[in-house]
PDB file of N, CA and C in Angstrom:
ATOM      1  N   MET A   1     -58.995  46.548  43.477  1.00  0.00           N
ATOM      2  CA  MET A   1     -60.361  46.203  43.098  1.00  0.00           C
ATOM      3  C   MET A   1     -60.334  45.076  42.079  1.00  0.00           C
ATOM      4  N   SER A   2     -61.452  44.482  41.880  1.00  0.00           N
ATOM      5  CA  SER A   2     -61.535  43.377  40.939  1.00  0.00           C
ATOM      6  C   SER A   2     -62.586  43.664  39.883  1.00  0.00           C
ATOM      7  N   GLY A   3     -62.742  42.737  38.996  1.00  0.00           N
ATOM      8  CA  GLY A   3     -63.758  42.880  37.970  1.00  0.00           C
ATOM      9  C   GLY A   3     -65.160  42.920  38.545  1.00  0.00           C
ATOM     10  N   LEU A   4     -65.351  42.300  39.680  1.00  0.00           N
ATOM     11  CA  LEU A   4     -66.677  42.290  40.299  1.00  0.00           C
ATOM     12  C   LEU A   4     -67.005  43.609  40.978  1.00  0.00           C
ATOM     13  N   ASN A   5     -65.973  44.356  41.368  1.00  0.00           N
ATOM     14  CA  ASN A   5     -66.209  45.568  42.132  1.00  0.00           C
ATOM     15  C   ASN A   5     -66.232  46.830  41.286  1.00  0.00           C
ATOM     16  N   GLY A   6     -66.295  46.715  39.977  1.00  0.00           N
ATOM     17  CA  GLY A   6     -66.479  47.894  39.149  1.00  0.00           C
ATOM     18  C   GLY A   6     -65.240  48.386  38.429  1.00  0.00           C
ATOM     19  N   ASP A   7     -64.086  47.814  38.641  1.00  0.00           N
ATOM     20  CA  ASP A   7     -62.871  48.267  37.973  1.00  0.00           C
ATOM     21  C   ASP A   7     -62.672  47.445  36.700  1.00  0.00           C
ATOM     22  N   LYS A   8     -63.717  47.371  35.900  1.00  0.00           N
ATOM     23  CA  LYS A   8     -63.706  46.465  34.757  1.00  0.00           C
ATOM     24  C   LYS A   8     -62.740  46.897  33.670  1.00  0.00           C
ATOM     25  N   SER A   9     -62.552  48.178  33.482  1.00  0.00           N
ATOM     26  CA  SER A   9     -61.675  48.663  32.419  1.00  0.00           C
ATOM     27  C   SER A   9     -60.245  48.164  32.622  1.00  0.00           C
ATOM     28  N   ARG A  10     -59.707  48.404  33.795  1.00  0.00           N
ATOM     29  CA  ARG A  10     -58.333  47.962  34.082  1.00  0.00           C
ATOM     30  C   ARG A  10     -58.268  46.446  34.160  1.00  0.00           C
ATOM     31  N   PHE A  11     -59.246  45.841  34.764  1.00  0.00           N
ATOM     32  CA  PHE A  11     -59.270  44.386  34.924  1.00  0.00           C
ATOM     33  C   PHE A  11     -59.202  43.687  33.568  1.00  0.00           C
ATOM     34  N   HIS A  12     -60.046  44.130  32.625  1.00  0.00           N
ATOM     35  CA  HIS A  12     -60.077  43.469  31.322  1.00  0.00           C
ATOM     36  C   HIS A  12     -58.851  43.810  30.481  1.00  0.00           C
ATOM     37  N   ARG A  13     -58.325  45.029  30.620  1.00  0.00           N
ATOM     38  CA  ARG A  13     -57.110  45.404  29.894  1.00  0.00           C
ATOM     39  C   ARG A  13     -55.944  44.534  30.355  1.00  0.00           C
ATOM     40  N   GLU A  14     -55.782  44.376  31.653  1.00  0.00           N
ATOM     41  CA  GLU A  14     -54.700  43.539  32.183  1.00  0.00           C
ATOM     42  C   GLU A  14     -54.924  42.067  31.851  1.00  0.00           C
ATOM     43  N   ARG A  15     -56.181  41.648  31.844  1.00  0.00           N
ATOM     44  CA  ARG A  15     -56.505  40.261  31.496  1.00  0.00           C
ATOM     45  C   ARG A  15     -56.096  39.964  30.054  1.00  0.00           C
ATOM     46  N   LYS A  16     -56.423  40.875  29.138  1.00  0.00           N
ATOM     47  CA  LYS A  16     -56.051  40.685  27.741  1.00  0.00           C
ATOM     48  C   LYS A  16     -54.534  40.719  27.569  1.00  0.00           C
ATOM     49  N   GLN A  17     -53.850  41.568  28.326  1.00  0.00           N
ATOM     50  CA  GLN A  17     -52.393  41.622  28.249  1.00  0.00           C
ATOM     51  C   GLN A  17     -51.776  40.308  28.718  1.00  0.00           C
ATOM     52  N   LYS A  18     -52.315  39.746  29.793  1.00  0.00           N
ATOM     53  CA  LYS A  18     -51.794  38.469  30.307  1.00  0.00           C
ATOM     54  C   LYS A  18     -51.992  37.352  29.289  1.00  0.00           C
ATOM     55  N   ILE A  19     -53.174  37.321  28.675  1.00  0.00           N
ATOM     56  CA  ILE A  19     -53.468  36.281  27.682  1.00  0.00           C
ATOM     57  C   ILE A  19     -52.515  36.410  26.497  1.00  0.00           C
ATOM     58  N   ALA A  20     -52.310  37.647  26.016  1.00  0.00           N
ATOM     59  CA  ALA A  20     -51.418  37.869  24.879  1.00  0.00           C
ATOM     60  C   ALA A  20     -49.977  37.511  25.234  1.00  0.00           C
ATOM     61  N   ARG A  21     -49.553  37.819  26.469  1.00  0.00           N
ATOM     62  CA  ARG A  21     -48.185  37.505  26.898  1.00  0.00           C
ATOM     63  C   ARG A  21     -47.979  35.997  26.946  1.00  0.00           C
ATOM     64  N   ARG A  22     -48.960  35.266  27.464  1.00  0.00           N
ATOM     65  CA  ARG A  22     -48.856  33.804  27.506  1.00  0.00           C
ATOM     66  C   ARG A  22     -48.792  33.224  26.101  1.00  0.00           C
ATOM     67  N   LYS A  23     -49.612  33.780  25.191  1.00  0.00           N
ATOM     68  CA  LYS A  23     -49.636  33.287  23.819  1.00  0.00           C
ATOM     69  C   LYS A  23     -48.290  33.520  23.141  1.00  0.00           C
ATOM     70  N   ARG A  24     -47.706  34.709  23.311  1.00  0.00           N
ATOM     71  CA  ARG A  24     -46.396  35.004  22.722  1.00  0.00           C
ATOM     72  C   ARG A  24     -45.321  34.095  23.291  1.00  0.00           C
ATOM     73  N   THR A  25     -45.375  33.862  24.601  1.00  0.00           N
ATOM     74  CA  THR A  25     -44.380  33.008  25.241  1.00  0.00           C
ATOM     75  C   THR A  25     -44.474  31.578  24.728  1.00  0.00           C
ATOM     76  N   ARG A  26     -45.691  31.069  24.601  1.00  0.00           N
ATOM     77  CA  ARG A  26     -45.867  29.695  24.095  1.00  0.00           C
ATOM     78  C   ARG A  26     -45.354  29.568  22.673  1.00  0.00           C
ATOM     79  N   GLU A  27     -45.656  30.569  21.811  1.00  0.00           N
ATOM     80  CA  GLU A  27     -45.193  30.517  20.431  1.00  0.00           C
ATOM     81  C   GLU A  27     -43.668  30.594  20.363  1.00  0.00           C
ATOM     82  N   LEU A  28     -43.075  31.425  21.217  1.00  0.00           N
ATOM     83  CA  LEU A  28     -41.623  31.544  21.247  1.00  0.00           C
ATOM     84  C   LEU A  28     -40.977  30.229  21.669  1.00  0.00           C
ATOM     85  N   LEU A  29     -41.513  29.611  22.713  1.00  0.00           N
ATOM     86  CA  LEU A  29     -40.963  28.340  23.182  1.00  0.00           C
ATOM     87  C   LEU A  29     -41.166  27.228  22.160  1.00  0.00           C
ATOM     88  N   LYS A  30     -42.325  27.236  21.498  1.00  0.00           N
ATOM     89  CA  LYS A  30     -42.584  26.221  20.482  1.00  0.00           C
ATOM     90  C   LYS A  30     -41.615  26.392  19.317  1.00  0.00           C
ATOM     91  N   GLY A  31     -41.362  27.621  18.909  1.00  0.00           N
ATOM     92  CA  GLY A  31     -40.420  27.895  17.823  1.00  0.00           C
ATOM     93  C   GLY A  31     -39.006  27.507  18.197  1.00  0.00           C
ATOM     94  N   ALA A  32     -38.607  27.750  19.436  1.00  0.00           N
ATOM     95  CA  ALA A  32     -37.263  27.397  19.878  1.00  0.00           C
ATOM     96  C   ALA A  32     -37.094  25.884  19.967  1.00  0.00           C
ATOM     97  N   ALA A  33     -38.156  25.165  20.271  1.00  0.00           N
ATOM     98  CA  ALA A  33     -38.062  23.712  20.396  1.00  0.00           C
ATOM     99  C   ALA A  33     -37.926  23.046  19.033  1.00  0.00           C
ATOM    100  N   THR A  34     -38.465  23.661  17.978  1.00  0.00           N
ATOM    101  CA  THR A  34     -38.425  23.031  16.663  1.00  0.00           C
ATOM    102  C   THR A  34     -37.152  23.343  15.902  1.00  0.00           C
ATOM    103  N   GLN A  35     -36.426  24.412  16.275  1.00  0.00           N
ATOM    104  CA  GLN A  35     -35.202  24.759  15.567  1.00  0.00           C
ATOM    105  C   GLN A  35     -34.074  23.810  15.956  1.00  0.00           C
ATOM    106  N   PRO A  36     -33.270  23.368  14.973  1.00  0.00           N
ATOM    107  CA  PRO A  36     -32.126  22.514  15.306  1.00  0.00           C
ATOM    108  C   PRO A  36     -31.058  23.327  16.023  1.00  0.00           C
ATOM    109  N   ARG A  37     -30.387  22.691  16.954  1.00  0.00           N
ATOM    110  CA  ARG A  37     -29.347  23.376  17.718  1.00  0.00           C
ATOM    111  C   ARG A  37     -28.028  23.337  16.956  1.00  0.00           C
ATOM    112  N   SER A  38     -27.226  24.340  17.159  1.00  0.00           N
ATOM    113  CA  SER A  38     -25.933  24.419  16.514  1.00  0.00           C
ATOM    114  C   SER A  38     -24.948  23.489  17.216  1.00  0.00           C
ATOM    115  N   VAL A  39     -24.245  22.653  16.441  1.00  0.00           N
ATOM    116  CA  VAL A  39     -23.281  21.715  17.002  1.00  0.00           C
ATOM    117  C   VAL A  39     -21.887  22.321  16.972  1.00  0.00           C
ATOM    118  N   VAL A  40     -21.661  23.328  16.154  1.00  0.00           N
ATOM    119  CA  VAL A  40     -20.338  23.907  15.972  1.00  0.00           C
ATOM    120  C   VAL A  40     -19.842  24.528  17.279  1.00  0.00           C
ATOM    121  N   GLY A  41     -20.673  25.266  17.986  1.00  0.00           N
ATOM    122  CA  GLY A  41     -20.257  25.913  19.217  1.00  0.00           C
ATOM    123  C   GLY A  41     -19.983  24.956  20.348  1.00  0.00           C
ATOM    124  N   ALA A  42     -20.604  23.811  20.343  1.00  0.00           N
ATOM    125  CA  ALA A  42     -20.440  22.846  21.430  1.00  0.00           C
ATOM    126  C   ALA A  42     -19.102  22.126  21.361  1.00  0.00           C
ATOM    127  N   ALA A  43     -18.518  22.004  20.168  1.00  0.00           N
ATOM    128  CA  ALA A  43     -17.273  21.258  20.017  1.00  0.00           C
ATOM    129  C   ALA A  43     -16.046  22.070  20.438  1.00  0.00           C
ATOM    130  N   ALA A  44     -16.142  23.391  20.399  1.00  0.00           N
ATOM    131  CA  ALA A  44     -14.994  24.228  20.746  1.00  0.00           C
ATOM    132  C   ALA A  44     -14.794  24.237  22.245  1.00  0.00           C
ATOM    133  N   PRO A  45     -13.532  24.158  22.723  1.00  0.00           N
ATOM    134  CA  PRO A  45     -13.284  24.204  24.165  1.00  0.00           C
ATOM    135  C   PRO A  45     -13.538  25.612  24.708  1.00  0.00           C
ATOM    136  N   ARG A  46     -13.944  25.672  25.948  1.00  0.00           N
ATOM    137  CA  ARG A  46     -14.194  26.959  26.579  1.00  0.00           C
ATOM    138  C   ARG A  46     -12.874  27.634  26.944  1.00  0.00           C
ATOM    139  N   PRO A  47     -12.805  28.938  26.834  1.00  0.00           N
ATOM    140  CA  PRO A  47     -11.566  29.616  27.248  1.00  0.00           C
ATOM    141  C   PRO A  47     -11.336  29.473  28.742  1.00  0.00           C
ATOM    142  N   GLY A  48     -10.110  29.334  29.133  1.00  0.00           N
ATOM    143  CA  GLY A  48      -9.779  29.196  30.545  1.00  0.00           C
ATOM    144  C   GLY A  48      -9.649  27.756  30.992  1.00  0.00           C
ATOM    145  N   THR A  49     -10.010  26.786  30.146  1.00  0.00           N
ATOM    146  CA  THR A  49      -9.859  25.389  30.539  1.00  0.00           C
ATOM    147  C   THR A  49      -8.495  24.883  30.097  1.00  0.00           C
ATOM    148  N   VAL A  50      -7.976  23.951  30.810  1.00  0.00           N
ATOM    149  CA  VAL A  50      -6.670  23.375  30.492  1.00  0.00           C
ATOM    150  C   VAL A  50      -6.902  22.020  29.845  1.00  0.00           C
ATOM    151  N   SER A  51      -6.333  21.827  28.644  1.00  0.00           N
ATOM    152  CA  SER A  51      -6.480  20.544  27.977  1.00  0.00           C
ATOM    153  C   SER A  51      -5.416  19.580  28.472  1.00  0.00           C
ATOM    154  N   ALA A  52      -5.749  18.328  28.604  1.00  0.00           N
ATOM    155  CA  ALA A  52      -4.829  17.340  29.177  1.00  0.00           C
ATOM    156  C   ALA A  52      -3.956  16.702  28.160  1.00  0.00           C
TER     157      ALA A  52
END
């Protein structure tokens, strides 16, 4: 059913959950984009590789 057909309680509850989930995801991605990345881990060679 949809919001038009009378199932408004579930429809609006799920709608608010979707909006909140999108908001949390955007804030998480925005926070991850502003943090500087660690350079220390990138310089170490991966295990299992053979150095020339």
